[in-house]
Amino acid sequence: MEWILHDFKISTEKDLLSVKEIHEFLTRNHGAVSRATEEIKKSIENSLCFGMYCNGRQVGFARIISDFTTVYFLSDFFIMEEFRGKGLGKWMLECITGYSELKNLIGFLATRNAHGLYRKYGFRSLRDPRIMMLKVP
């Protein structure tokens, strides 16, 4: 699937993704320092991915982990620093939350920032976060 806005394109086509750019951004900004390039590749292979491009250059990314029946988890969402403040994150979230295979599912994400942005697209804090559990290897 593909969406166009001025000079920007969002696509779910995995062949367009730059694993190198994604890996560099995530290790620099998302605390994914311990994730090897091969782990990034495998996570992309096993997920629905949204890449954002400007004149062929990758400028954004989001990864969806889902059973496509009940729930999805939004992960690794980013817009490159020099492209922020242009509404591109909002546009990408509109594409993701409106995507036909996701729009009627429960969505989860974990974030330290941009809570206000995510709330605009239907995400909310858990009423009782104690009901969630986490297993870390």
N, C-alpha and C. Protein backbone atom coordinates (compact mmCIF):
# COMPACT_ATOMS: atom_id res chain seq x y z
N MET A 1 0.85 -1.16 0.00
CA MET A 1 0.00 0.00 0.00
C MET A 1 0.90 1.23 0.00
N GLU A 2 0.38 2.33 -0.55
CA GLU A 2 1.18 3.53 -0.68
C GLU A 2 0.31 4.77 -0.51
N TRP A 3 0.87 5.79 0.16
CA TRP A 3 0.23 7.08 0.34
C TRP A 3 1.20 8.16 -0.10
N ILE A 4 0.70 9.23 -0.72
CA ILE A 4 1.54 10.33 -1.19
C ILE A 4 1.04 11.64 -0.59
N LEU A 5 1.98 12.47 -0.14
CA LEU A 5 1.69 13.81 0.36
C LEU A 5 2.84 14.72 -0.07
N HIS A 6 2.58 15.58 -1.06
CA HIS A 6 3.61 16.48 -1.60
C HIS A 6 4.83 15.66 -2.05
N ASP A 7 6.00 15.92 -1.49
CA ASP A 7 7.22 15.20 -1.88
C ASP A 7 7.44 13.93 -1.06
N PHE A 8 6.46 13.57 -0.23
CA PHE A 8 6.64 12.45 0.69
C PHE A 8 5.77 11.27 0.28
N LYS A 9 6.30 10.09 0.55
CA LYS A 9 5.57 8.85 0.28
C LYS A 9 5.70 7.94 1.48
N ILE A 10 4.61 7.29 1.85
CA ILE A 10 4.62 6.21 2.83
C ILE A 10 4.26 4.94 2.09
N SER A 11 5.02 3.89 2.35
CA SER A 11 4.79 2.62 1.67
C SER A 11 4.98 1.46 2.65
N THR A 12 4.21 0.40 2.42
CA THR A 12 4.38 -0.83 3.19
C THR A 12 5.28 -1.83 2.44
N GLU A 13 5.87 -1.39 1.33
CA GLU A 13 6.76 -2.24 0.53
C GLU A 13 8.11 -2.38 1.24
N LYS A 14 8.42 -3.58 1.70
CA LYS A 14 9.64 -3.81 2.47
C LYS A 14 10.91 -3.64 1.64
N ASP A 15 10.83 -3.88 0.33
CA ASP A 15 12.02 -3.76 -0.52
C ASP A 15 12.56 -2.32 -0.57
N LEU A 16 11.73 -1.35 -0.22
CA LEU A 16 12.17 0.06 -0.23
C LEU A 16 12.91 0.45 1.05
N LEU A 17 12.76 -0.33 2.11
CA LEU A 17 13.34 0.03 3.40
C LEU A 17 14.86 -0.02 3.38
N SER A 18 15.47 0.92 4.09
CA SER A 18 16.92 0.95 4.26
C SER A 18 17.23 0.42 5.66
N VAL A 19 17.61 -0.84 5.74
CA VAL A 19 17.93 -1.45 7.04
C VAL A 19 19.06 -0.67 7.71
N LYS A 20 20.01 -0.20 6.91
CA LYS A 20 21.14 0.56 7.44
C LYS A 20 20.64 1.85 8.14
N GLU A 21 19.79 2.62 7.46
CA GLU A 21 19.25 3.86 8.05
C GLU A 21 18.41 3.56 9.29
N ILE A 22 17.59 2.53 9.23
CA ILE A 22 16.74 2.17 10.37
C ILE A 22 17.61 1.77 11.55
N HIS A 23 18.59 0.91 11.31
CA HIS A 23 19.48 0.46 12.38
C HIS A 23 20.22 1.64 13.00
N GLU A 24 20.78 2.52 12.16
CA GLU A 24 21.52 3.68 12.68
C GLU A 24 20.63 4.58 13.53
N PHE A 25 19.41 4.85 13.05
CA PHE A 25 18.53 5.72 13.82
C PHE A 25 18.13 5.07 15.14
N LEU A 26 17.73 3.82 15.10
CA LEU A 26 17.26 3.15 16.32
C LEU A 26 18.38 3.02 17.35
N THR A 27 19.58 2.71 16.92
CA THR A 27 20.67 2.57 17.89
C THR A 27 21.08 3.92 18.46
N ARG A 28 20.91 4.98 17.70
CA ARG A 28 21.26 6.33 18.14
C ARG A 28 20.20 6.95 19.04
N ASN A 29 18.93 6.63 18.80
CA ASN A 29 17.85 7.36 19.45
C ASN A 29 16.86 6.54 20.26
N HIS A 30 16.76 5.28 20.04
CA HIS A 30 15.73 4.48 20.71
C HIS A 30 16.29 3.49 21.72
N GLY A 31 17.54 3.61 22.05
CA GLY A 31 18.11 2.70 23.02
C GLY A 31 18.25 1.28 22.51
N ALA A 32 18.30 1.12 21.20
CA ALA A 32 18.41 -0.22 20.61
C ALA A 32 19.87 -0.55 20.32
N VAL A 33 20.77 -0.04 21.15
CA VAL A 33 22.20 -0.21 20.94
C VAL A 33 22.58 -1.68 20.83
N SER A 34 21.91 -2.53 21.57
CA SER A 34 22.27 -3.95 21.57
C SER A 34 21.67 -4.72 20.40
N ARG A 35 20.81 -4.09 19.59
CA ARG A 35 20.21 -4.79 18.46
C ARG A 35 21.16 -4.79 17.27
N ALA A 36 21.55 -5.96 16.84
CA ALA A 36 22.42 -6.10 15.68
C ALA A 36 21.61 -5.87 14.40
N THR A 37 22.32 -5.57 13.33
CA THR A 37 21.67 -5.36 12.03
C THR A 37 20.84 -6.57 11.64
N GLU A 38 21.34 -7.77 11.89
CA GLU A 38 20.59 -8.99 11.55
C GLU A 38 19.28 -9.07 12.34
N GLU A 39 19.28 -8.61 13.58
CA GLU A 39 18.05 -8.60 14.39
C GLU A 39 17.05 -7.59 13.82
N ILE A 40 17.53 -6.45 13.37
CA ILE A 40 16.66 -5.45 12.74
C ILE A 40 16.05 -6.06 11.48
N LYS A 41 16.87 -6.71 10.65
CA LYS A 41 16.37 -7.35 9.43
C LYS A 41 15.28 -8.37 9.74
N LYS A 42 15.53 -9.22 10.73
CA LYS A 42 14.56 -10.25 11.08
C LYS A 42 13.27 -9.64 11.62
N SER A 43 13.38 -8.58 12.42
CA SER A 43 12.18 -7.93 12.95
C SER A 43 11.35 -7.33 11.82
N ILE A 44 12.01 -6.80 10.80
CA ILE A 44 11.30 -6.25 9.63
C ILE A 44 10.61 -7.37 8.86
N GLU A 45 11.31 -8.47 8.65
CA GLU A 45 10.74 -9.60 7.91
C GLU A 45 9.46 -10.12 8.56
N ASN A 46 9.39 -10.06 9.90
CA ASN A 46 8.27 -10.63 10.63
C ASN A 46 7.24 -9.59 11.09
N SER A 47 7.24 -8.43 10.47
CA SER A 47 6.33 -7.35 10.87
C SER A 47 5.73 -6.68 9.63
N LEU A 48 4.66 -5.95 9.86
CA LEU A 48 4.13 -5.03 8.86
C LEU A 48 4.88 -3.72 9.07
N CYS A 49 5.51 -3.22 8.02
CA CYS A 49 6.34 -2.02 8.16
C CYS A 49 5.82 -0.88 7.31
N PHE A 50 5.95 0.32 7.83
CA PHE A 50 5.60 1.54 7.12
C PHE A 50 6.88 2.36 6.99
N GLY A 51 7.34 2.56 5.76
CA GLY A 51 8.50 3.40 5.52
C GLY A 51 8.05 4.72 4.94
N MET A 52 8.69 5.81 5.36
CA MET A 52 8.39 7.13 4.80
C MET A 52 9.63 7.60 4.04
N TYR A 53 9.39 8.17 2.85
CA TYR A 53 10.47 8.56 1.96
C TYR A 53 10.25 9.97 1.41
N CYS A 54 11.35 10.66 1.18
CA CYS A 54 11.34 11.97 0.51
C CYS A 54 12.39 11.90 -0.59
N ASN A 55 11.93 11.98 -1.82
CA ASN A 55 12.84 11.89 -2.97
C ASN A 55 13.74 10.65 -2.89
N GLY A 56 13.16 9.53 -2.50
CA GLY A 56 13.88 8.27 -2.44
C GLY A 56 14.65 8.01 -1.16
N ARG A 57 14.80 9.02 -0.31
CA ARG A 57 15.54 8.86 0.95
C ARG A 57 14.57 8.46 2.06
N GLN A 58 14.93 7.48 2.85
CA GLN A 58 14.10 7.08 3.97
C GLN A 58 14.19 8.13 5.07
N VAL A 59 13.01 8.65 5.48
CA VAL A 59 12.98 9.70 6.51
C VAL A 59 12.11 9.31 7.71
N GLY A 60 11.46 8.16 7.64
CA GLY A 60 10.63 7.71 8.75
C GLY A 60 10.38 6.21 8.66
N PHE A 61 9.90 5.68 9.77
CA PHE A 61 9.68 4.23 9.85
C PHE A 61 8.76 3.92 11.01
N ALA A 62 7.99 2.86 10.87
CA ALA A 62 7.19 2.30 11.96
C ALA A 62 7.02 0.81 11.68
N ARG A 63 7.00 0.04 12.75
CA ARG A 63 6.87 -1.41 12.63
C ARG A 63 5.67 -1.86 13.45
N ILE A 64 4.85 -2.73 12.85
CA ILE A 64 3.65 -3.25 13.50
C ILE A 64 3.80 -4.75 13.69
N ILE A 65 3.62 -5.19 14.93
CA ILE A 65 3.63 -6.61 15.27
C ILE A 65 2.17 -6.96 15.57
N SER A 66 1.62 -7.97 14.88
CA SER A 66 0.19 -8.23 15.04
C SER A 66 -0.22 -9.64 14.65
N ASP A 67 -1.38 -10.04 15.17
CA ASP A 67 -2.04 -11.26 14.69
C ASP A 67 -3.08 -10.90 13.63
N PHE A 68 -3.30 -9.61 13.40
CA PHE A 68 -4.24 -9.06 12.42
C PHE A 68 -5.68 -9.50 12.66
N THR A 69 -5.97 -9.89 13.90
CA THR A 69 -7.32 -10.31 14.27
C THR A 69 -7.79 -9.58 15.51
N THR A 70 -6.91 -9.44 16.50
CA THR A 70 -7.33 -8.83 17.76
C THR A 70 -6.48 -7.64 18.19
N VAL A 71 -5.15 -7.73 18.06
CA VAL A 71 -4.27 -6.69 18.60
C VAL A 71 -3.09 -6.41 17.68
N TYR A 72 -2.51 -5.23 17.87
CA TYR A 72 -1.22 -4.92 17.26
C TYR A 72 -0.39 -4.11 18.23
N PHE A 73 0.93 -4.15 18.03
CA PHE A 73 1.87 -3.39 18.82
C PHE A 73 2.66 -2.50 17.88
N LEU A 74 2.61 -1.20 18.10
CA LEU A 74 3.35 -0.22 17.31
C LEU A 74 4.74 -0.06 17.92
N SER A 75 5.76 -0.27 17.11
CA SER A 75 7.13 -0.27 17.61
C SER A 75 8.05 0.47 16.65
N ASP A 76 9.17 0.93 17.16
CA ASP A 76 10.25 1.52 16.35
C ASP A 76 9.77 2.70 15.49
N PHE A 77 8.80 3.45 15.96
CA PHE A 77 8.26 4.58 15.20
C PHE A 77 9.22 5.76 15.27
N PHE A 78 9.58 6.32 14.11
CA PHE A 78 10.40 7.53 14.12
C PHE A 78 10.26 8.32 12.82
N ILE A 79 10.54 9.61 12.95
CA ILE A 79 10.72 10.53 11.83
C ILE A 79 12.12 11.12 12.05
N MET A 80 12.96 11.14 11.02
CA MET A 80 14.30 11.72 11.15
C MET A 80 14.20 13.16 11.65
N GLU A 81 15.15 13.54 12.47
CA GLU A 81 15.13 14.84 13.15
C GLU A 81 14.88 16.01 12.19
N GLU A 82 15.56 16.04 11.06
CA GLU A 82 15.45 17.19 10.17
C GLU A 82 14.10 17.29 9.45
N PHE A 83 13.25 16.26 9.59
CA PHE A 83 11.94 16.26 8.96
C PHE A 83 10.81 16.43 9.98
N ARG A 84 11.15 16.62 11.23
CA ARG A 84 10.13 16.80 12.26
C ARG A 84 9.55 18.20 12.21
N GLY A 85 8.34 18.35 12.78
CA GLY A 85 7.69 19.66 12.81
C GLY A 85 6.94 19.99 11.54
N LYS A 86 6.79 19.03 10.65
CA LYS A 86 6.09 19.24 9.38
C LYS A 86 4.77 18.47 9.31
N GLY A 87 4.37 17.84 10.44
CA GLY A 87 3.14 17.06 10.46
C GLY A 87 3.30 15.64 9.90
N LEU A 88 4.52 15.23 9.64
CA LEU A 88 4.75 13.92 9.03
C LEU A 88 4.46 12.77 10.00
N GLY A 89 4.76 12.96 11.28
CA GLY A 89 4.44 11.93 12.27
C GLY A 89 2.93 11.74 12.38
N LYS A 90 2.20 12.85 12.33
CA LYS A 90 0.73 12.77 12.36
C LYS A 90 0.22 12.03 11.14
N TRP A 91 0.76 12.38 9.99
CA TRP A 91 0.35 11.72 8.75
C TRP A 91 0.62 10.22 8.80
N MET A 92 1.80 9.85 9.30
CA MET A 92 2.12 8.42 9.38
C MET A 92 1.17 7.71 10.34
N LEU A 93 0.87 8.34 11.48
CA LEU A 93 -0.08 7.72 12.42
C LEU A 93 -1.47 7.60 11.81
N GLU A 94 -1.89 8.57 11.00
CA GLU A 94 -3.18 8.47 10.30
C GLU A 94 -3.18 7.27 9.36
N CYS A 95 -2.08 7.09 8.64
CA CYS A 95 -1.97 5.95 7.72
C CYS A 95 -2.00 4.62 8.48
N ILE A 96 -1.27 4.56 9.59
CA ILE A 96 -1.21 3.33 10.38
C ILE A 96 -2.56 3.01 11.01
N THR A 97 -3.13 3.98 11.73
CA THR A 97 -4.39 3.70 12.44
C THR A 97 -5.57 3.54 11.48
N GLY A 98 -5.45 4.06 10.26
CA GLY A 98 -6.51 3.90 9.28
C GLY A 98 -6.31 2.72 8.35
N TYR A 99 -5.18 2.04 8.47
CA TYR A 99 -4.87 0.89 7.61
C TYR A 99 -5.94 -0.18 7.80
N SER A 100 -6.47 -0.69 6.72
CA SER A 100 -7.64 -1.57 6.77
C SER A 100 -7.46 -2.77 7.70
N GLU A 101 -6.27 -3.35 7.76
CA GLU A 101 -6.07 -4.54 8.59
C GLU A 101 -5.83 -4.21 10.06
N LEU A 102 -5.73 -2.92 10.40
CA LEU A 102 -5.45 -2.53 11.79
C LEU A 102 -6.55 -1.70 12.43
N LYS A 103 -7.36 -1.02 11.62
CA LYS A 103 -8.24 0.00 12.18
C LYS A 103 -9.27 -0.51 13.18
N ASN A 104 -9.61 -1.76 13.18
CA ASN A 104 -10.58 -2.29 14.15
C ASN A 104 -9.94 -3.15 15.24
N LEU A 105 -8.61 -3.05 15.35
CA LEU A 105 -7.89 -3.85 16.35
C LEU A 105 -7.49 -2.99 17.54
N ILE A 106 -7.21 -3.63 18.65
CA ILE A 106 -6.66 -2.93 19.82
C ILE A 106 -5.19 -2.68 19.56
N GLY A 107 -4.76 -1.42 19.74
CA GLY A 107 -3.37 -1.07 19.51
C GLY A 107 -2.64 -0.78 20.81
N PHE A 108 -1.40 -1.22 20.88
CA PHE A 108 -0.53 -0.97 22.03
C PHE A 108 0.73 -0.27 21.55
N LEU A 109 1.34 0.48 22.42
CA LEU A 109 2.67 1.01 22.18
C LEU A 109 3.30 1.34 23.52
N ALA A 110 4.61 1.45 23.51
CA ALA A 110 5.34 1.87 24.71
C ALA A 110 6.19 3.07 24.30
N THR A 111 6.04 4.18 25.02
CA THR A 111 6.78 5.39 24.66
C THR A 111 7.10 6.21 25.89
N ARG A 112 8.20 6.94 25.80
CA ARG A 112 8.58 7.86 26.88
C ARG A 112 8.16 9.28 26.55
N ASN A 113 7.77 9.52 25.30
CA ASN A 113 7.43 10.89 24.90
C ASN A 113 6.29 10.88 23.88
N ALA A 114 5.87 12.06 23.51
CA ALA A 114 4.83 12.28 22.48
C ALA A 114 3.48 11.67 22.84
N HIS A 115 3.18 11.57 24.13
CA HIS A 115 1.90 11.02 24.55
C HIS A 115 0.73 11.80 23.95
N GLY A 116 0.85 13.12 23.89
CA GLY A 116 -0.22 13.94 23.33
C GLY A 116 -0.48 13.60 21.87
N LEU A 117 0.56 13.36 21.12
CA LEU A 117 0.40 12.98 19.71
C LEU A 117 -0.36 11.66 19.59
N TYR A 118 0.07 10.67 20.34
CA TYR A 118 -0.58 9.35 20.26
C TYR A 118 -2.03 9.40 20.73
N ARG A 119 -2.32 10.22 21.71
CA ARG A 119 -3.71 10.35 22.19
C ARG A 119 -4.64 10.82 21.07
N LYS A 120 -4.15 11.69 20.20
CA LYS A 120 -4.95 12.20 19.08
C LYS A 120 -5.39 11.08 18.14
N TYR A 121 -4.71 9.95 18.20
CA TYR A 121 -5.02 8.83 17.32
C TYR A 121 -5.59 7.64 18.08
N GLY A 122 -6.16 7.93 19.25
CA GLY A 122 -6.91 6.91 19.97
C GLY A 122 -6.15 6.14 21.03
N PHE A 123 -4.86 6.35 21.16
CA PHE A 123 -4.11 5.66 22.21
C PHE A 123 -4.34 6.38 23.54
N ARG A 124 -4.35 5.63 24.62
CA ARG A 124 -4.53 6.22 25.94
C ARG A 124 -3.70 5.44 26.95
N SER A 125 -3.44 6.08 28.07
CA SER A 125 -2.72 5.40 29.14
C SER A 125 -3.63 4.34 29.76
N LEU A 126 -3.03 3.29 30.26
CA LEU A 126 -3.81 2.25 30.92
C LEU A 126 -4.38 2.78 32.22
N ARG A 127 -5.62 2.44 32.49
CA ARG A 127 -6.23 2.85 33.76
C ARG A 127 -5.51 2.21 34.94
N ASP A 128 -5.12 0.98 34.75
CA ASP A 128 -4.43 0.26 35.81
C ASP A 128 -3.22 -0.45 35.19
N PRO A 129 -2.07 0.24 35.13
CA PRO A 129 -0.90 -0.38 34.49
C PRO A 129 -0.41 -1.63 35.20
N ARG A 130 -0.89 -1.85 36.43
CA ARG A 130 -0.46 -3.04 37.16
C ARG A 130 -0.97 -4.33 36.53
N ILE A 131 -1.95 -4.21 35.62
CA ILE A 131 -2.48 -5.43 34.99
C ILE A 131 -1.56 -5.92 33.85
N MET A 132 -0.65 -5.06 33.42
CA MET A 132 0.29 -5.44 32.36
C MET A 132 1.54 -6.03 32.99
N MET A 133 2.10 -6.99 32.33
CA MET A 133 3.34 -7.60 32.81
C MET A 133 4.35 -7.62 31.66
N LEU A 134 5.60 -7.74 32.02
CA LEU A 134 6.67 -7.71 31.05
C LEU A 134 7.68 -8.78 31.39
N LYS A 135 8.13 -9.51 30.35
CA LYS A 135 9.21 -10.48 30.51
C LYS A 135 10.38 -9.99 29.66
N VAL A 136 11.50 -9.80 30.27
CA VAL A 136 12.69 -9.35 29.56
C VAL A 136 13.74 -10.45 29.64
N PRO A 137 14.32 -10.84 28.47
CA PRO A 137 15.31 -11.93 28.50
C PRO A 137 16.58 -11.53 29.23
